[in-house]
Amino acid sequence: MVQQDKAVPETDFPVNQGQYRGNWIRLRTLILLRWFAITGQLSALIVAAQVYGLQLEYAPCLFVVGLSVIANLIASFIFPESKRLNEVENLAMVLFDLLQLGALLYLTGGLHNPFSILIVGPATVSALALSSRITLFVGSTAIVLVTLLAEFHLPLRTAEGQVLEVAEVFLFGNWLAIVIAVLFLGIYSRWIVNEMHSMSDALQATQMALAREQRLSDLGGVVAAAAHELGTPLATIKLTSSELIEDLGDHPELDPDLVEDARLIRDQADRCRDILRSMGRAGKDDLHLHQAPLSAVLEEAAEPHGQRGVALHFQHGDGSSAPPSILRRPELIHGLRNLVQNAVDFAKSEVRVESRWDDERISIRIMDDGRGFSPADLGRIGDPFMHRRWSFSEGSERPGYEGMGLGLFIAKTLLERSGAELIFANGNDIEGAEGWSGHPGVTGAIVEVTWPRSTIDARQGRNALQPGQNLPFT
């Protein structure tokens, strides 16, 4: 029950999610691993015969190993090296290896064979690479196979004909150890790989979000440059059309349609000017437009959510000094925008955005009057793909709301990348701190973002922008 961000639509972030990566495994990789297994099995049989003189059914054992050799050769010659297997094909490969190993263990003592622990391998590979359903099937098959091998197997015999077997208690211990290993390693591997996939997916979405924000910023610069370049010819067209209107007005004997045409040219020139002015906000490579007052950056970040039925209130400092100029970075704007979106999504009627600064730090608080974060999950906020959230009846002001935790993760990642530290809290948990004014009406979630001033200040510190040289017009 965590207040979460808006679900990211698939069209915005077409992330290749981890559950589909079972289709990414190359056939060549599994063939190579099987050659290693075949080499190990043949080596064990040779050592058993030549060094220890064990009496085994070598012909059936070599036949079972030969099945793996034949399967590898067929797969190598029929399919291209670049072939990637789907999950059904991967299941067939893993299941074949598991049954082949079980047959070999049946011929060589079952669980009395110390190599029986290797049956854990296919189950672990399934947990790492395939879906949960297939992993459960492979793990269950391995446990059934181990249980059968404990009772049904050909004995291991020395050169003198003595049967090699462990005591019943150790046999049960081996069975229990393998079962526990299958379960534990399967669950552990599945847990770890899910964490890795979730983080990889979320980081991929973060890079996409940042790239999109950068493209929009670049597009704004191109449009503004076009507006600047077209300004002079549009002004000339407007001036010329105005003069034509005056000249045609002094000669009423001329066709009146000419006057209307001249007025139309002037109006369309004005329209072109207004369109370009509204589209271009960033200008060319102007260093002055790479920075902006803190208040302007916050209002720019919150602008897309200003007309969603929730009042946005801004308070910048205590009025004793003007807001500092900060770097206008795409990742900073996009991160703040995601935090404002999350607050608006769960606010009842208002969201407050406050900023404070001193010589050392710049801080921002985003507060809403919703139900806030679940105290039990405050430590997990910002993790990707958190599936616990407020339902409509529990706190979200929008029915059918579905959150994934991805937007908050993107915001947290981008802002921390800019040097910020984020704190998530509720209600009055951090109200009344030095330099901040309390707002009793804001009882929901609070997100505080703090930077060392030197990391984002555009006028001083290590990232301060140096004024460029003015270039003459050509």
Protein backbone atom coordinates (compact mmCIF):
# COMPACT_ATOMS: atom_id res chain seq x y z
CA MET A 1 0.00 0.00 0.00
CA VAL A 2 2.43 2.58 -1.23
CA GLN A 3 1.64 5.81 -2.99
CA GLN A 4 3.10 5.20 -6.39
CA ASP A 5 3.67 6.97 -9.60
CA LYS A 6 1.65 6.68 -12.76
CA ALA A 7 2.21 3.53 -14.76
CA VAL A 8 4.47 4.17 -17.67
CA PRO A 9 2.65 3.30 -20.90
CA GLU A 10 4.28 0.77 -23.14
CA THR A 11 4.28 3.27 -25.98
CA ASP A 12 6.37 5.67 -23.92
CA PHE A 13 8.95 3.18 -22.73
CA PRO A 14 9.04 0.00 -24.84
CA VAL A 15 11.19 -1.86 -22.33
CA ASN A 16 12.15 -5.48 -22.98
CA GLN A 17 11.02 -6.78 -19.62
CA GLY A 18 12.92 -9.53 -17.83
CA GLN A 19 10.22 -12.17 -18.02
CA TYR A 20 10.70 -12.33 -21.81
CA ARG A 21 14.44 -12.85 -21.71
CA GLY A 22 14.09 -16.63 -21.77
CA ASN A 23 13.85 -16.17 -25.53
CA TRP A 24 17.26 -14.54 -25.71
CA ILE A 25 19.46 -17.63 -25.06
CA ARG A 26 21.51 -18.75 -28.04
CA LEU A 27 21.51 -22.41 -29.04
CA ARG A 28 25.28 -22.21 -29.45
CA THR A 29 25.66 -21.37 -25.73
CA LEU A 30 23.72 -24.45 -24.61
CA ILE A 31 25.58 -26.65 -27.11
CA LEU A 32 28.91 -25.46 -25.74
CA LEU A 33 27.82 -26.10 -22.15
CA ARG A 34 26.65 -29.58 -23.11
CA TRP A 35 30.06 -30.36 -24.68
CA PHE A 36 31.64 -29.49 -21.33
CA ALA A 37 29.19 -31.86 -19.59
CA ILE A 38 29.93 -34.63 -22.08
CA THR A 39 33.66 -34.20 -21.55
CA GLY A 40 33.18 -34.42 -17.78
CA GLN A 41 31.01 -37.53 -18.02
CA LEU A 42 33.46 -39.34 -20.31
CA SER A 43 36.37 -38.38 -18.05
CA ALA A 44 34.55 -39.75 -15.00
CA LEU A 45 33.84 -43.04 -16.78
CA ILE A 46 37.48 -43.39 -17.90
CA VAL A 47 38.79 -42.69 -14.38
CA ALA A 48 36.28 -45.15 -12.89
CA ALA A 49 37.45 -47.87 -15.27
CA GLN A 50 41.19 -47.23 -15.50
CA VAL A 51 42.05 -45.85 -12.07
CA TYR A 52 39.52 -47.41 -9.68
CA GLY A 53 38.56 -50.48 -11.71
CA LEU A 54 34.89 -50.16 -10.91
CA GLN A 55 32.53 -52.70 -12.48
CA LEU A 56 29.98 -50.59 -14.31
CA GLU A 57 27.68 -51.12 -17.25
CA TYR A 58 30.01 -49.18 -19.51
CA ALA A 59 28.22 -49.97 -22.77
CA PRO A 60 24.87 -48.49 -21.61
CA CYS A 61 26.73 -45.59 -19.98
CA LEU A 62 28.52 -44.77 -23.25
CA PHE A 63 25.20 -45.10 -25.08
CA VAL A 64 23.61 -42.50 -22.76
CA VAL A 65 26.57 -40.14 -23.23
CA GLY A 66 26.42 -40.81 -26.96
CA LEU A 67 22.82 -39.57 -27.02
CA SER A 68 24.08 -36.18 -25.85
CA VAL A 69 26.80 -36.23 -28.52
CA ILE A 70 24.26 -37.05 -31.25
CA ALA A 71 21.86 -34.34 -29.99
CA ASN A 72 24.68 -31.78 -30.05
CA LEU A 73 25.81 -32.75 -33.53
CA ILE A 74 22.27 -32.60 -34.92
CA ALA A 75 21.66 -29.19 -33.34
CA SER A 76 25.01 -27.89 -34.63
CA PHE A 77 24.43 -28.97 -38.25
CA ILE A 78 20.71 -28.28 -38.60
CA PHE A 79 20.38 -24.89 -36.90
CA PRO A 80 22.44 -21.73 -37.52
CA GLU A 81 24.87 -20.62 -34.84
CA SER A 82 22.92 -17.43 -34.24
CA LYS A 83 19.60 -19.20 -33.51
CA ARG A 84 17.95 -18.11 -30.30
CA LEU A 85 15.66 -20.58 -28.59
CA ASN A 86 12.17 -19.81 -27.35
CA GLU A 87 11.10 -20.98 -23.91
CA VAL A 88 9.64 -24.28 -25.12
CA GLU A 89 12.88 -25.13 -26.91
CA ASN A 90 14.91 -24.11 -23.87
CA LEU A 91 12.71 -26.33 -21.72
CA ALA A 92 13.33 -29.25 -24.09
CA MET A 93 17.10 -28.71 -23.88
CA VAL A 94 17.17 -28.47 -20.07
CA LEU A 95 14.80 -31.40 -19.64
CA PHE A 96 16.89 -33.56 -21.98
CA ASP A 97 20.03 -32.79 -19.94
CA LEU A 98 18.20 -33.57 -16.70
CA LEU A 99 16.87 -36.92 -17.92
CA GLN A 100 20.19 -37.85 -19.52
CA LEU A 101 21.97 -37.19 -16.22
CA GLY A 102 19.31 -39.18 -14.37
CA ALA A 103 19.80 -42.15 -16.71
CA LEU A 104 23.56 -42.02 -16.21
CA LEU A 105 23.13 -41.91 -12.43
CA TYR A 106 20.74 -44.88 -12.63
CA LEU A 107 23.49 -46.90 -14.31
CA THR A 108 26.17 -45.82 -11.82
CA GLY A 109 24.73 -46.23 -8.32
CA GLY A 110 21.95 -43.64 -8.06
CA LEU A 111 22.32 -41.48 -4.94
CA HIS A 112 25.25 -43.65 -3.81
CA ASN A 113 27.20 -41.92 -6.58
CA PRO A 114 28.80 -38.70 -5.25
CA PHE A 115 28.15 -37.02 -8.63
CA SER A 116 24.41 -37.14 -7.94
CA ILE A 117 24.62 -33.58 -6.67
CA LEU A 118 25.04 -32.46 -10.30
CA ILE A 119 21.31 -32.96 -10.79
CA VAL A 120 20.92 -29.55 -9.15
CA GLY A 121 22.52 -27.93 -12.21
CA PRO A 122 19.65 -28.08 -14.74
CA ALA A 123 17.17 -26.86 -12.11
CA THR A 124 19.38 -23.88 -11.31
CA VAL A 125 19.88 -23.04 -15.00
CA SER A 126 16.11 -23.10 -15.44
CA ALA A 127 15.66 -20.70 -12.52
CA LEU A 128 18.21 -18.30 -13.98
CA ALA A 129 17.02 -18.28 -17.57
CA LEU A 130 13.40 -19.41 -17.87
CA SER A 131 10.01 -18.42 -16.53
CA SER A 132 8.74 -19.24 -13.04
CA ARG A 133 6.27 -21.81 -14.36
CA ILE A 134 8.95 -23.71 -16.28
CA THR A 135 11.35 -23.43 -13.33
CA LEU A 136 8.73 -25.01 -11.06
CA PHE A 137 8.21 -27.84 -13.55
CA VAL A 138 11.95 -28.54 -13.94
CA GLY A 139 12.52 -28.37 -10.17
CA SER A 140 9.66 -30.78 -9.52
CA THR A 141 11.00 -33.16 -12.16
CA ALA A 142 14.45 -33.07 -10.52
CA ILE A 143 12.98 -33.87 -7.09
CA VAL A 144 10.92 -36.76 -8.50
CA LEU A 145 13.99 -38.06 -10.33
CA VAL A 146 16.13 -37.94 -7.18
CA THR A 147 13.43 -39.74 -5.20
CA LEU A 148 13.30 -42.54 -7.78
CA LEU A 149 17.10 -42.82 -7.93
CA ALA A 150 17.21 -43.34 -4.17
CA GLU A 151 15.33 -46.63 -4.62
CA PHE A 152 15.95 -47.72 -8.21
CA HIS A 153 19.50 -47.92 -9.58
CA LEU A 154 22.22 -50.35 -10.60
CA PRO A 155 24.82 -50.89 -7.86
CA LEU A 156 28.37 -49.63 -7.90
CA ARG A 157 30.84 -52.55 -7.69
CA THR A 158 34.58 -52.57 -7.08
CA ALA A 159 37.01 -54.72 -9.07
CA GLU A 160 36.56 -57.43 -6.39
CA GLY A 161 32.76 -57.36 -6.79
CA GLN A 162 32.04 -55.55 -3.53
CA VAL A 163 28.99 -53.26 -3.66
CA LEU A 164 29.74 -49.65 -2.82
CA GLU A 165 26.88 -48.02 -0.99
CA VAL A 166 26.42 -45.56 1.83
CA ALA A 167 24.43 -46.19 5.01
CA GLU A 168 20.70 -45.59 4.94
CA VAL A 169 20.99 -42.50 7.08
CA PHE A 170 23.55 -41.00 4.68
CA LEU A 171 21.43 -42.01 1.71
CA PHE A 172 18.50 -40.13 3.20
CA GLY A 173 20.86 -37.24 3.95
CA ASN A 174 21.99 -37.14 0.32
CA TRP A 175 18.38 -37.15 -0.88
CA LEU A 176 17.37 -34.41 1.54
CA ALA A 177 20.44 -32.30 0.69
CA ILE A 178 19.72 -32.49 -3.04
CA VAL A 179 16.03 -31.65 -2.56
CA ILE A 180 16.92 -28.68 -0.36
CA ALA A 181 19.58 -27.57 -2.85
CA VAL A 182 17.07 -27.71 -5.72
CA LEU A 183 14.55 -25.67 -3.74
CA PHE A 184 16.97 -23.20 -2.18
CA LEU A 185 19.14 -22.58 -5.23
CA GLY A 186 16.06 -22.35 -7.44
CA ILE A 187 14.36 -19.78 -5.21
CA TYR A 188 17.60 -17.90 -4.55
CA SER A 189 18.58 -17.79 -8.22
CA ARG A 190 15.07 -16.77 -9.25
CA TRP A 191 15.00 -13.99 -6.67
CA ILE A 192 18.39 -12.61 -7.71
CA VAL A 193 17.66 -12.76 -11.44
CA ASN A 194 14.30 -11.02 -10.94
CA GLU A 195 16.07 -8.22 -9.08
CA MET A 196 18.61 -7.92 -11.88
CA HIS A 197 15.93 -7.92 -14.59
CA SER A 198 13.84 -5.33 -12.77
CA MET A 199 16.82 -3.05 -12.29
CA SER A 200 17.94 -3.51 -15.88
CA ASP A 201 14.44 -2.74 -17.19
CA ALA A 202 14.12 0.31 -14.99
CA LEU A 203 17.54 1.65 -15.97
CA GLN A 204 16.65 1.12 -19.62
CA ALA A 205 13.46 3.10 -19.12
CA THR A 206 15.46 5.80 -17.32
CA GLN A 207 17.83 6.12 -20.26
CA MET A 208 14.87 6.31 -22.64
CA ALA A 209 13.23 9.01 -20.54
CA LEU A 210 16.42 11.05 -20.43
CA ALA A 211 17.01 10.59 -24.17
CA ARG A 212 13.46 11.71 -24.90
CA GLU A 213 13.84 14.77 -22.70
CA GLN A 214 17.12 15.60 -24.42
CA ARG A 215 15.51 15.23 -27.85
CA LEU A 216 12.69 17.55 -26.86
CA SER A 217 15.19 20.08 -25.58
CA ASP A 218 17.21 19.84 -28.79
CA LEU A 219 14.05 20.18 -30.85
CA GLY A 220 13.14 23.33 -28.97
CA GLY A 221 16.55 24.75 -29.80
CA VAL A 222 16.14 23.97 -33.48
CA VAL A 223 12.69 25.57 -33.59
CA ALA A 224 13.90 28.66 -31.76
CA ALA A 225 16.83 28.95 -34.13
CA ALA A 226 14.41 28.74 -37.04
CA ALA A 227 12.24 31.41 -35.41
CA HIS A 228 15.26 33.65 -35.06
CA GLU A 229 16.38 33.16 -38.66
CA LEU A 230 12.87 33.59 -40.10
CA GLY A 231 12.16 36.67 -38.01
CA THR A 232 13.78 39.10 -40.45
CA PRO A 233 12.08 37.85 -43.65
CA LEU A 234 8.71 37.69 -41.87
CA ALA A 235 9.17 41.26 -40.65
CA THR A 236 10.02 42.32 -44.21
CA ILE A 237 6.91 40.58 -45.57
CA LYS A 238 4.76 42.29 -42.94
CA LEU A 239 6.27 45.73 -43.66
CA THR A 240 5.89 45.33 -47.41
CA SER A 241 2.27 44.13 -47.11
CA SER A 242 1.43 47.08 -44.84
CA GLU A 243 2.87 49.50 -47.39
CA LEU A 244 0.86 47.80 -50.14
CA ILE A 245 -2.33 48.20 -48.13
CA GLU A 246 -1.65 51.93 -47.72
CA ASP A 247 -0.78 52.42 -51.40
CA LEU A 248 -3.82 50.48 -52.59
CA GLY A 249 -6.04 52.45 -50.22
CA ASP A 250 -4.97 55.68 -51.90
CA HIS A 251 -6.22 54.38 -55.27
CA PRO A 252 -9.85 53.26 -54.85
CA GLU A 253 -10.18 52.74 -58.58
CA LEU A 254 -8.04 49.59 -58.30
CA ASP A 255 -9.47 46.14 -57.67
CA PRO A 256 -10.56 45.95 -53.96
CA ASP A 257 -9.55 42.29 -53.88
CA LEU A 258 -5.93 43.39 -54.04
CA VAL A 259 -6.31 45.16 -50.69
CA GLU A 260 -7.82 42.03 -49.15
CA ASP A 261 -4.96 39.93 -50.50
CA ALA A 262 -2.40 42.30 -49.01
CA ARG A 263 -4.17 42.17 -45.64
CA LEU A 264 -4.20 38.36 -45.84
CA ILE A 265 -0.44 38.32 -46.48
CA ARG A 266 0.14 40.55 -43.43
CA ASP A 267 -2.11 38.42 -41.19
CA GLN A 268 -0.46 35.19 -42.27
CA ALA A 269 2.99 36.66 -41.61
CA ASP A 270 1.82 37.56 -38.08
CA ARG A 271 0.48 34.03 -37.68
CA CYS A 272 3.80 32.47 -38.74
CA ARG A 273 5.61 34.71 -36.25
CA ASP A 274 3.26 33.66 -33.40
CA ILE A 275 3.56 29.95 -34.23
CA LEU A 276 7.35 30.03 -34.25
CA ARG A 277 7.41 32.09 -31.06
CA SER A 278 5.19 29.56 -29.25
CA MET A 279 7.21 26.57 -30.48
CA GLY A 280 10.68 27.84 -29.72
CA ARG A 281 11.61 28.21 -26.08
CA ALA A 282 15.24 27.35 -25.97
CA GLY A 283 17.12 29.28 -28.63
CA LYS A 284 20.37 28.30 -30.27
CA ASP A 285 23.44 27.30 -28.36
CA ASP A 286 23.02 30.31 -26.09
CA LEU A 287 24.80 29.83 -22.79
CA HIS A 288 22.30 32.09 -21.06
CA LEU A 289 19.54 29.61 -21.93
CA HIS A 290 21.44 26.70 -20.38
CA GLN A 291 20.64 28.22 -17.01
CA ALA A 292 17.52 29.62 -15.39
CA PRO A 293 16.35 30.81 -11.98
CA LEU A 294 15.39 27.99 -9.64
CA SER A 295 11.80 29.24 -9.58
CA ALA A 296 11.56 29.15 -13.39
CA VAL A 297 12.93 25.59 -13.56
CA LEU A 298 10.43 24.37 -10.95
CA GLU A 299 7.51 26.00 -12.72
CA GLU A 300 8.67 24.60 -16.07
CA ALA A 301 8.87 21.10 -14.59
CA ALA A 302 5.38 21.36 -13.07
CA GLU A 303 3.75 23.03 -16.08
CA PRO A 304 2.35 19.83 -17.76
CA HIS A 305 0.40 19.03 -14.56
CA GLY A 306 -0.98 22.49 -13.87
CA GLN A 307 -4.36 21.85 -15.53
CA ARG A 308 -5.29 18.52 -13.98
CA GLY A 309 -7.77 19.76 -11.36
CA VAL A 310 -5.21 20.08 -8.54
CA ALA A 311 -3.96 23.50 -7.41
CA LEU A 312 -0.21 23.97 -7.62
CA HIS A 313 1.25 26.46 -5.12
CA PHE A 314 4.85 27.66 -5.36
CA GLN A 315 6.89 29.33 -2.64
CA HIS A 316 10.47 30.28 -3.43
CA GLY A 317 12.63 31.24 -0.48
CA ASP A 318 11.67 33.65 2.27
CA GLY A 319 11.80 36.75 0.08
CA SER A 320 15.16 37.93 1.40
CA SER A 321 17.05 37.09 -1.81
CA ALA A 322 16.36 36.25 -5.43
CA PRO A 323 16.32 32.55 -6.42
CA PRO A 324 19.72 31.28 -7.58
CA SER A 325 20.33 30.46 -11.21
CA ILE A 326 20.78 26.73 -11.72
CA LEU A 327 21.76 24.49 -14.61
CA ARG A 328 18.81 23.72 -16.86
CA ARG A 329 19.56 20.04 -17.38
CA PRO A 330 17.07 17.63 -19.00
CA GLU A 331 17.55 14.98 -16.29
CA LEU A 332 16.88 17.50 -13.54
CA ILE A 333 13.69 18.82 -15.17
CA HIS A 334 12.39 15.34 -16.00
CA GLY A 335 13.08 14.04 -12.49
CA LEU A 336 11.26 16.95 -10.84
CA ARG A 337 8.40 16.58 -13.31
CA ASN A 338 7.93 12.94 -12.30
CA LEU A 339 7.83 13.89 -8.62
CA VAL A 340 5.22 16.59 -9.27
CA GLN A 341 3.20 14.11 -11.34
CA ASN A 342 3.23 11.60 -8.49
CA ALA A 343 2.05 14.27 -6.04
CA VAL A 344 -0.73 15.44 -8.38
CA ASP A 345 -1.85 11.86 -8.98
CA PHE A 346 -2.60 11.35 -5.27
CA ALA A 347 -3.44 14.85 -4.06
CA LYS A 348 -7.00 15.69 -3.03
CA SER A 349 -6.95 19.37 -3.93
CA GLU A 350 -3.48 20.93 -3.76
CA VAL A 351 0.22 20.35 -4.17
CA ARG A 352 2.83 22.69 -2.72
CA VAL A 353 6.31 23.13 -4.22
CA GLU A 354 8.72 25.01 -1.97
CA SER A 355 12.37 25.88 -2.48
CA ARG A 356 15.05 27.04 -0.04
CA TRP A 357 18.71 27.85 -0.50
CA ASP A 358 21.76 29.10 1.32
CA ASP A 359 25.45 29.32 0.54
CA GLU A 360 25.91 25.56 0.86
CA ARG A 361 22.72 23.82 -0.28
CA ILE A 362 19.66 24.13 -2.49
CA SER A 363 16.54 22.24 -1.35
CA ILE A 364 13.11 21.59 -2.81
CA ARG A 365 10.06 20.09 -1.17
CA ILE A 366 7.06 18.69 -3.04
CA MET A 367 4.07 18.11 -0.76
CA ASP A 368 0.49 17.01 -1.36
CA ASP A 369 -2.65 16.67 0.75
CA GLY A 370 -3.33 13.02 -0.10
CA ARG A 371 -2.94 10.00 2.16
CA GLY A 372 0.81 9.83 1.75
CA PHE A 373 3.20 6.90 1.68
CA SER A 374 2.66 3.68 3.60
CA PRO A 375 4.98 3.91 6.65
CA ALA A 376 5.85 0.22 6.31
CA ASP A 377 7.19 0.75 2.80
CA LEU A 378 8.93 4.11 3.09
CA GLY A 379 12.33 2.43 2.88
CA ARG A 380 11.44 0.81 -0.46
CA ILE A 381 10.16 3.90 -2.24
CA GLY A 382 12.11 4.41 -5.43
CA ASP A 383 12.61 0.69 -6.09
CA PRO A 384 11.53 -0.21 -9.64
CA PHE A 385 8.36 -2.21 -10.30
CA MET A 386 6.91 -2.07 -6.80
CA HIS A 387 3.50 -3.65 -7.22
CA ARG A 388 2.01 -2.67 -3.89
CA ARG A 389 0.09 0.59 -4.17
CA TRP A 390 -2.92 2.48 -2.97
CA SER A 391 -6.09 1.25 -4.60
CA PHE A 392 -8.83 3.70 -5.49
CA SER A 393 -10.62 3.00 -2.25
CA GLU A 394 -7.43 3.34 -0.23
CA GLY A 395 -6.00 6.60 -1.45
CA SER A 396 -5.67 7.19 -5.15
CA GLU A 397 -7.99 9.89 -6.39
CA ARG A 398 -8.32 8.20 -9.77
CA PRO A 399 -10.23 4.90 -10.28
CA GLY A 400 -8.43 2.18 -12.16
CA TYR A 401 -5.03 3.61 -11.23
CA GLU A 402 -2.14 1.25 -11.82
CA GLY A 403 1.37 2.15 -10.63
CA MET A 404 4.63 0.29 -11.18
CA GLY A 405 7.12 2.36 -9.19
CA LEU A 406 8.98 3.07 -12.42
CA GLY A 407 8.37 6.83 -12.54
CA LEU A 408 9.62 7.35 -8.99
CA PHE A 409 12.63 5.17 -9.78
CA ILE A 410 13.37 7.26 -12.87
CA ALA A 411 13.01 10.48 -10.88
CA LYS A 412 15.23 9.20 -8.07
CA THR A 413 17.87 7.90 -10.46
CA LEU A 414 18.03 11.05 -12.57
CA LEU A 415 18.08 13.42 -9.60
CA GLU A 416 20.71 11.41 -7.74
CA ARG A 417 22.75 11.42 -10.93
CA SER A 418 22.65 15.23 -10.81
CA GLY A 419 24.07 15.11 -7.27
CA ALA A 420 20.81 15.27 -5.27
CA GLU A 421 19.80 13.46 -2.11
CA LEU A 422 16.13 12.46 -1.79
CA ILE A 423 14.09 11.99 1.39
CA PHE A 424 10.56 10.54 1.37
CA ALA A 425 8.31 11.23 4.34
CA ASN A 426 4.69 11.74 5.39
CA GLY A 427 2.60 14.52 6.89
CA ASN A 428 4.44 16.30 9.65
CA ASP A 429 7.38 13.90 9.80
CA ILE A 430 9.82 16.62 8.76
CA GLU A 431 7.65 19.75 9.02
CA GLY A 432 9.04 22.54 11.12
CA ALA A 433 12.64 21.87 10.18
CA GLU A 434 14.87 24.89 10.20
CA GLY A 435 14.25 27.21 7.25
CA TRP A 436 10.88 25.75 6.31
CA SER A 437 7.37 26.91 7.14
CA GLY A 438 4.74 24.38 8.13
CA HIS A 439 1.52 23.93 6.16
CA PRO A 440 -1.08 22.11 8.27
CA GLY A 441 -3.25 21.48 5.20
CA VAL A 442 -0.53 19.43 3.53
CA THR A 443 -0.76 16.10 5.30
CA GLY A 444 0.16 13.67 2.54
CA ALA A 445 3.45 12.69 0.99
CA ILE A 446 6.55 14.84 1.22
CA VAL A 447 9.56 14.50 -1.05
CA GLU A 448 12.60 16.59 -0.22
CA VAL A 449 15.36 16.97 -2.82
CA THR A 450 18.64 18.54 -1.72
CA TRP A 451 21.75 19.39 -3.74
CA PRO A 452 25.09 20.77 -2.68
CA ARG A 453 24.85 24.21 -4.22
CA SER A 454 28.09 23.81 -6.14
CA THR A 455 26.67 20.88 -8.18
CA ILE A 456 23.81 22.76 -9.88
CA ASP A 457 24.55 26.46 -9.35
CA ALA A 458 25.12 28.04 -12.76
CA ARG A 459 26.89 31.13 -11.42
CA GLN A 460 29.37 29.71 -8.95
CA GLY A 461 31.01 26.42 -8.05
CA ARG A 462 32.63 23.77 -10.20
CA ASN A 463 29.72 23.63 -12.69
CA ALA A 464 29.35 27.36 -13.20
CA LEU A 465 28.82 28.35 -16.85
CA GLN A 466 31.49 30.57 -18.29
CA PRO A 467 30.15 33.41 -20.45
CA GLY A 468 31.00 32.90 -24.10
CA GLN A 469 32.45 35.39 -26.51
CA ASN A 470 29.97 37.48 -28.47
CA LEU A 471 30.32 36.67 -32.17
CA PRO A 472 29.69 39.33 -34.86
CA PHE A 473 26.82 38.92 -37.31
CA THR A 474 27.84 37.79 -40.79
